[in-house]
PDB file of N, CA and C in Angstrom:
ATOM      1  N   MET A   1       5.775   6.808  -1.377  1.00  0.00           N
ATOM      2  CA  MET A   1       4.949   6.036  -0.793  1.00  0.00           C
ATOM      3  C   MET A   1       6.592   4.937  -0.228  1.00  0.00           C
ATOM      4  N   LEU A   2       6.386   4.429  -1.774  1.00  0.00           N
ATOM      5  CA  LEU A   2       7.811   3.192  -1.741  1.00  0.00           C
ATOM      6  C   LEU A   2       8.840   3.107  -1.271  1.00  0.00           C
ATOM      7  N   ALA A   3       9.641   4.309  -0.355  1.00  0.00           N
ATOM      8  CA  ALA A   3      10.529   4.878   0.022  1.00  0.00           C
ATOM      9  C   ALA A   3      10.502   4.423   1.115  1.00  0.00           C
ATOM     10  N   GLU A   4       8.583   4.913   2.407  1.00  0.00           N
ATOM     11  CA  GLU A   4       8.721   5.296   4.074  1.00  0.00           C
ATOM     12  C   GLU A   4       8.133   3.706   4.024  1.00  0.00           C
ATOM     13  N   LEU A   5       7.208   2.856   2.845  1.00  0.00           N
ATOM     14  CA  LEU A   5       7.151   1.086   2.923  1.00  0.00           C
ATOM     15  C   LEU A   5       8.553   0.298   2.638  1.00  0.00           C
ATOM     16  N   SER A   6       9.182   0.661   1.875  1.00  0.00           N
ATOM     17  CA  SER A   6      11.038   0.144   2.555  1.00  0.00           C
ATOM     18  C   SER A   6      11.597   0.451   3.739  1.00  0.00           C
ATOM     19  N   ALA A   7      11.441   1.418   3.975  1.00  0.00           N
ATOM     20  CA  ALA A   7      12.134   1.641   5.038  1.00  0.00           C
ATOM     21  C   ALA A   7      10.995   1.605   6.914  1.00  0.00           C
ATOM     22  N   LEU A   8      10.161   0.798   6.271  1.00  0.00           N
ATOM     23  CA  LEU A   8       8.967   0.373   7.275  1.00  0.00           C
ATOM     24  C   LEU A   8       9.114  -1.449   7.520  1.00  0.00           C
ATOM     25  N   GLN A   9       9.765  -1.943   6.415  1.00  0.00           N
ATOM     26  CA  GLN A   9      10.065  -3.257   6.218  1.00  0.00           C
ATOM     27  C   GLN A   9      11.466  -3.524   7.048  1.00  0.00           C
ATOM     28  N   SER A  10      11.608  -2.709   7.212  1.00  0.00           N
ATOM     29  CA  SER A  10      13.384  -3.301   8.705  1.00  0.00           C
ATOM     30  C   SER A  10      13.130  -3.292  10.084  1.00  0.00           C
ATOM     31  N   ARG A  11      11.861  -2.754  10.530  1.00  0.00           N
ATOM     32  CA  ARG A  11      10.993  -2.544  12.071  1.00  0.00           C
ATOM     33  C   ARG A  11       9.984  -3.743  11.712  1.00  0.00           C
ATOM     34  N   TYR A  12       9.111  -4.442  10.413  1.00  0.00           N
ATOM     35  CA  TYR A  12       8.196  -5.492  10.715  1.00  0.00           C
ATOM     36  C   TYR A  12       8.134  -6.349   9.066  1.00  0.00           C
ATOM     37  N   THR A  13       7.902  -7.052   9.584  1.00  0.00           N
ATOM     38  CA  THR A  13       7.977  -8.777   8.398  1.00  0.00           C
ATOM     39  C   THR A  13       6.620  -7.944   7.214  1.00  0.00           C
ATOM     40  N   PHE A  14       6.501  -8.090   6.092  1.00  0.00           N
ATOM     41  CA  PHE A  14       5.878  -7.536   5.719  1.00  0.00           C
ATOM     42  C   PHE A  14       6.098  -7.711   3.620  1.00  0.00           C
ATOM     43  N   ALA A  15       5.508  -8.341   3.247  1.00  0.00           N
ATOM     44  CA  ALA A  15       5.360  -8.805   1.397  1.00  0.00           C
ATOM     45  C   ALA A  15       4.960  -7.086   1.070  1.00  0.00           C
ATOM     46  N   LEU A  16       5.665  -6.701   0.148  1.00  0.00           N
ATOM     47  CA  LEU A  16       5.679  -5.294  -0.876  1.00  0.00           C
ATOM     48  C   LEU A  16       5.221  -6.350  -2.302  1.00  0.00           C
ATOM     49  N   GLU A  17       4.256  -6.097  -2.720  1.00  0.00           N
ATOM     50  CA  GLU A  17       4.361  -6.490  -4.795  1.00  0.00           C
ATOM     51  C   GLU A  17       3.639  -4.449  -4.891  1.00  0.00           C
ATOM     52  N   ARG A  18       4.345  -4.494  -6.517  1.00  0.00           N
ATOM     53  CA  ARG A  18       4.009  -3.594  -6.470  1.00  0.00           C
ATOM     54  C   ARG A  18       3.292  -3.969  -7.587  1.00  0.00           C
ATOM     55  N   VAL A  19       2.268  -3.064  -8.772  1.00  0.00           N
ATOM     56  CA  VAL A  19       1.355  -3.119  -9.412  1.00  0.00           C
ATOM     57  C   VAL A  19       1.451  -2.371  -9.909  1.00  0.00           C
ATOM     58  N   ASP A  20       2.200  -2.031 -11.670  1.00  0.00           N
ATOM     59  CA  ASP A  20       1.843  -1.120 -12.369  1.00  0.00           C
ATOM     60  C   ASP A  20       0.518  -0.977 -13.111  1.00  0.00           C
ATOM     61  N   ILE A  21      -0.943   0.109 -12.503  1.00  0.00           N
ATOM     62  CA  ILE A  21      -1.948  -0.035 -12.970  1.00  0.00           C
ATOM     63  C   ILE A  21      -2.169   0.554 -14.660  1.00  0.00           C
ATOM     64  N   ASP A  22      -1.632   0.324 -15.905  1.00  0.00           N
ATOM     65  CA  ASP A  22      -1.574   1.235 -16.474  1.00  0.00           C
ATOM     66  C   ASP A  22      -1.373  -0.044 -17.005  1.00  0.00           C
ATOM     67  N   GLU A  23      -1.248  -1.200 -16.696  1.00  0.00           N
ATOM     68  CA  GLU A  23      -1.149  -2.739 -17.780  1.00  0.00           C
ATOM     69  C   GLU A  23      -3.081  -3.085 -17.457  1.00  0.00           C
ATOM     70  N   ASN A  24      -3.652  -2.161 -16.721  1.00  0.00           N
ATOM     71  CA  ASN A  24      -3.915  -2.896 -16.697  1.00  0.00           C
ATOM     72  C   ASN A  24      -5.669  -2.177 -16.743  1.00  0.00           C
ATOM     73  N   PRO A  25      -6.613  -2.661 -17.475  1.00  0.00           N
ATOM     74  CA  PRO A  25      -7.560  -0.951 -17.477  1.00  0.00           C
ATOM     75  C   PRO A  25      -8.061  -0.577 -16.434  1.00  0.00           C
ATOM     76  N   ASP A  26      -8.994  -1.746 -15.934  1.00  0.00           N
ATOM     77  CA  ASP A  26      -9.739  -1.695 -15.477  1.00  0.00           C
ATOM     78  C   ASP A  26      -9.028  -1.471 -13.640  1.00  0.00           C
ATOM     79  N   LEU A  27      -8.141  -2.058 -13.494  1.00  0.00           N
ATOM     80  CA  LEU A  27      -7.740  -1.154 -12.500  1.00  0.00           C
ATOM     81  C   LEU A  27      -7.310   0.733 -12.596  1.00  0.00           C
ATOM     82  N   SER A  28      -6.831   1.179 -14.032  1.00  0.00           N
ATOM     83  CA  SER A  28      -5.631   2.100 -14.031  1.00  0.00           C
ATOM     84  C   SER A  28      -7.394   2.954 -14.141  1.00  0.00           C
ATOM     85  N   ALA A  29      -9.031   2.407 -14.807  1.00  0.00           N
ATOM     86  CA  ALA A  29      -9.890   3.315 -14.594  1.00  0.00           C
ATOM     87  C   ALA A  29     -10.916   3.554 -13.221  1.00  0.00           C
ATOM     88  N   ARG A  30     -10.607   2.529 -12.013  1.00  0.00           N
ATOM     89  CA  ARG A  30     -10.119   3.109 -10.313  1.00  0.00           C
ATOM     90  C   ARG A  30      -9.546   3.657 -10.088  1.00  0.00           C
ATOM     91  N   PHE A  31      -7.776   3.747  -9.975  1.00  0.00           N
ATOM     92  CA  PHE A  31      -7.529   4.388  -9.254  1.00  0.00           C
ATOM     93  C   PHE A  31      -6.551   5.129  -9.271  1.00  0.00           C
ATOM     94  N   ASN A  32      -6.605   5.521 -11.159  1.00  0.00           N
ATOM     95  CA  ASN A  32      -6.053   6.768 -12.120  1.00  0.00           C
ATOM     96  C   ASN A  32      -5.144   7.571 -11.358  1.00  0.00           C
ATOM     97  N   ALA A  33      -6.396   8.044 -10.699  1.00  0.00           N
ATOM     98  CA  ALA A  33      -6.593   9.534  -9.893  1.00  0.00           C
ATOM     99  C   ALA A  33      -6.144   9.590  -8.701  1.00  0.00           C
ATOM    100  N   LYS A  34      -6.102   7.911  -8.192  1.00  0.00           N
ATOM    101  CA  LYS A  34      -5.988   8.106  -6.833  1.00  0.00           C
ATOM    102  C   LYS A  34      -4.190   7.912  -6.555  1.00  0.00           C
ATOM    103  N   VAL A  35      -3.859   7.278  -8.049  1.00  0.00           N
ATOM    104  CA  VAL A  35      -2.093   6.203  -7.212  1.00  0.00           C
ATOM    105  C   VAL A  35      -1.017   7.887  -6.550  1.00  0.00           C
ATOM    106  N   PRO A  36      -0.599   7.384  -5.539  1.00  0.00           N
ATOM    107  CA  PRO A  36       0.195   5.305  -5.441  1.00  0.00           C
ATOM    108  C   PRO A  36      -0.769   4.741  -4.209  1.00  0.00           C
ATOM    109  N   VAL A  37      -1.928   4.053  -4.393  1.00  0.00           N
ATOM    110  CA  VAL A  37      -2.375   3.428  -3.088  1.00  0.00           C
ATOM    111  C   VAL A  37      -1.981   2.458  -2.466  1.00  0.00           C
ATOM    112  N   LEU A  38      -2.374   2.074  -1.325  1.00  0.00           N
ATOM    113  CA  LEU A  38      -2.073   1.021  -1.126  1.00  0.00           C
ATOM    114  C   LEU A  38      -3.167  -0.057   0.289  1.00  0.00           C
ATOM    115  N   ALA A  39      -2.788  -1.229  -0.485  1.00  0.00           N
ATOM    116  CA  ALA A  39      -3.829  -2.347  -0.436  1.00  0.00           C
ATOM    117  C   ALA A  39      -3.138  -3.013   0.516  1.00  0.00           C
ATOM    118  N   VAL A  40      -4.239  -3.494   1.741  1.00  0.00           N
ATOM    119  CA  VAL A  40      -3.569  -4.441   2.462  1.00  0.00           C
ATOM    120  C   VAL A  40      -4.604  -5.674   2.723  1.00  0.00           C
ATOM    121  N   ASP A  41      -4.617  -7.113   2.059  1.00  0.00           N
ATOM    122  CA  ASP A  41      -5.193  -7.651   2.128  1.00  0.00           C
ATOM    123  C   ASP A  41      -6.431  -7.652   0.862  1.00  0.00           C
ATOM    124  N   GLY A  42      -6.791  -6.699  -0.096  1.00  0.00           N
ATOM    125  CA  GLY A  42      -6.917  -6.479  -0.744  1.00  0.00           C
ATOM    126  C   GLY A  42      -8.247  -5.173  -0.711  1.00  0.00           C
ATOM    127  N   GLU A  43      -7.678  -5.071   0.525  1.00  0.00           N
ATOM    128  CA  GLU A  43      -8.171  -3.628   1.120  1.00  0.00           C
ATOM    129  C   GLU A  43      -7.948  -3.156   1.096  1.00  0.00           C
ATOM    130  N   ILE A  44      -8.534  -1.432   0.691  1.00  0.00           N
ATOM    131  CA  ILE A  44      -7.542   0.093   0.686  1.00  0.00           C
ATOM    132  C   ILE A  44      -6.970  -0.470   1.992  1.00  0.00           C
ATOM    133  N   LEU A  45      -5.779   0.606   1.862  1.00  0.00           N
ATOM    134  CA  LEU A  45      -5.866   1.358   3.012  1.00  0.00           C
ATOM    135  C   LEU A  45      -5.307   2.737   3.080  1.00  0.00           C
ATOM    136  N   CYS A  46      -4.836   3.739   2.552  1.00  0.00           N
ATOM    137  CA  CYS A  46      -4.128   4.695   1.742  1.00  0.00           C
ATOM    138  C   CYS A  46      -4.384   5.238   0.558  1.00  0.00           C
ATOM    139  N   CYS A  47      -4.464   5.927   0.234  1.00  0.00           N
ATOM    140  CA  CYS A  47      -3.948   6.726  -1.558  1.00  0.00           C
ATOM    141  C   CYS A  47      -3.286   8.127  -1.178  1.00  0.00           C
ATOM    142  N   HIS A  48      -2.095   8.432  -2.713  1.00  0.00           N
ATOM    143  CA  HIS A  48      -1.425   9.456  -2.208  1.00  0.00           C
ATOM    144  C   HIS A  48      -0.432   9.308  -1.177  1.00  0.00           C
ATOM    145  N   PHE A  49      -0.965   9.423  -0.736  1.00  0.00           N
ATOM    146  CA  PHE A  49       0.115   9.620   0.724  1.00  0.00           C
ATOM    147  C   PHE A  49       0.394   8.465   1.887  1.00  0.00           C
ATOM    148  N   LEU A  50       1.092   8.054   2.548  1.00  0.00           N
ATOM    149  CA  LEU A  50       1.477   6.520   3.349  1.00  0.00           C
ATOM    150  C   LEU A  50       0.467   7.689   4.921  1.00  0.00           C
ATOM    151  N   ASP A  51      -0.235   6.134   4.878  1.00  0.00           N
ATOM    152  CA  ASP A  51      -0.959   6.202   6.699  1.00  0.00           C
ATOM    153  C   ASP A  51      -0.413   5.384   6.968  1.00  0.00           C
ATOM    154  N   ALA A  52       0.804   5.883   7.515  1.00  0.00           N
ATOM    155  CA  ALA A  52       2.386   4.895   8.655  1.00  0.00           C
ATOM    156  C   ALA A  52       1.249   4.224  10.133  1.00  0.00           C
ATOM    157  N   PRO A  53       0.322   5.040  10.318  1.00  0.00           N
ATOM    158  CA  PRO A  53      -0.107   4.325  12.047  1.00  0.00           C
ATOM    159  C   PRO A  53      -1.091   3.769  11.669  1.00  0.00           C
ATOM    160  N   ALA A  54      -1.821   3.541  10.802  1.00  0.00           N
ATOM    161  CA  ALA A  54      -3.014   3.103  10.232  1.00  0.00           C
ATOM    162  C   ALA A  54      -2.511   1.358   9.575  1.00  0.00           C
ATOM    163  N   LEU A  55      -1.236   1.141   9.162  1.00  0.00           N
ATOM    164  CA  LEU A  55      -0.678   0.657   8.295  1.00  0.00           C
ATOM    165  C   LEU A  55       0.315  -0.396   9.371  1.00  0.00           C
ATOM    166  N   ILE A  56       1.230  -0.185  10.543  1.00  0.00           N
ATOM    167  CA  ILE A  56       1.189  -0.205  11.581  1.00  0.00           C
ATOM    168  C   ILE A  56       0.661  -1.288  12.613  1.00  0.00           C
ATOM    169  N   ASP A  57      -1.104  -0.262  12.826  1.00  0.00           N
ATOM    170  CA  ASP A  57      -1.761  -0.800  13.624  1.00  0.00           C
ATOM    171  C   ASP A  57      -1.950  -2.536  12.415  1.00  0.00           C
ATOM    172  N   GLU A  58      -2.717  -2.202  11.090  1.00  0.00           N
ATOM    173  CA  GLU A  58      -2.711  -3.547  10.269  1.00  0.00           C
ATOM    174  C   GLU A  58      -1.907  -4.424  10.427  1.00  0.00           C
ATOM    175  N   LEU A  59      -0.698  -3.983  10.523  1.00  0.00           N
ATOM    176  CA  LEU A  59       0.897  -5.109  10.895  1.00  0.00           C
ATOM    177  C   LEU A  59       0.685  -6.090  12.324  1.00  0.00           C
ATOM    178  N   THR A  60       0.276  -4.802  12.901  1.00  0.00           N
ATOM    179  CA  THR A  60      -0.081  -5.862  14.492  1.00  0.00           C
ATOM    180  C   THR A  60      -0.541  -5.873  15.160  1.00  0.00           C
ATOM    181  N   ARG A  61      -2.004  -5.822  14.348  1.00  0.00           N
ATOM    182  CA  ARG A  61      -3.054  -6.280  14.847  1.00  0.00           C
ATOM    183  C   ARG A  61      -3.259  -8.154  15.538  1.00  0.00           C
ATOM    184  N   ASN A  62      -2.416  -8.719  14.564  1.00  0.00           N
ATOM    185  CA  ASN A  62      -2.293  -9.991  15.417  1.00  0.00           C
ATOM    186  C   ASN A  62      -1.558 -10.733  16.245  1.00  0.00           C
ATOM    187  N   ASP A  63      -0.739  -9.629  16.132  1.00  0.00           N
ATOM    188  CA  ASP A  63       0.554  -9.667  17.294  1.00  0.00           C
ATOM    189  C   ASP A  63       0.478  -9.765  19.121  1.00  0.00           C
TER     190      ASP A  63
END
């Protein structure tokens, strides 16, 4: 997912923050079986695989 997100950053402007869930017991308990997880503004957008159309929709929603 990270490689796909990096590729999209060349076309869309967005900040990417990586979070290691193993450093936070609450996140580890919540997302352990769902990693990788992509959240936009605190809302889960997709798990396991990048949903590129959904992400692009989010990124272009206010354009």
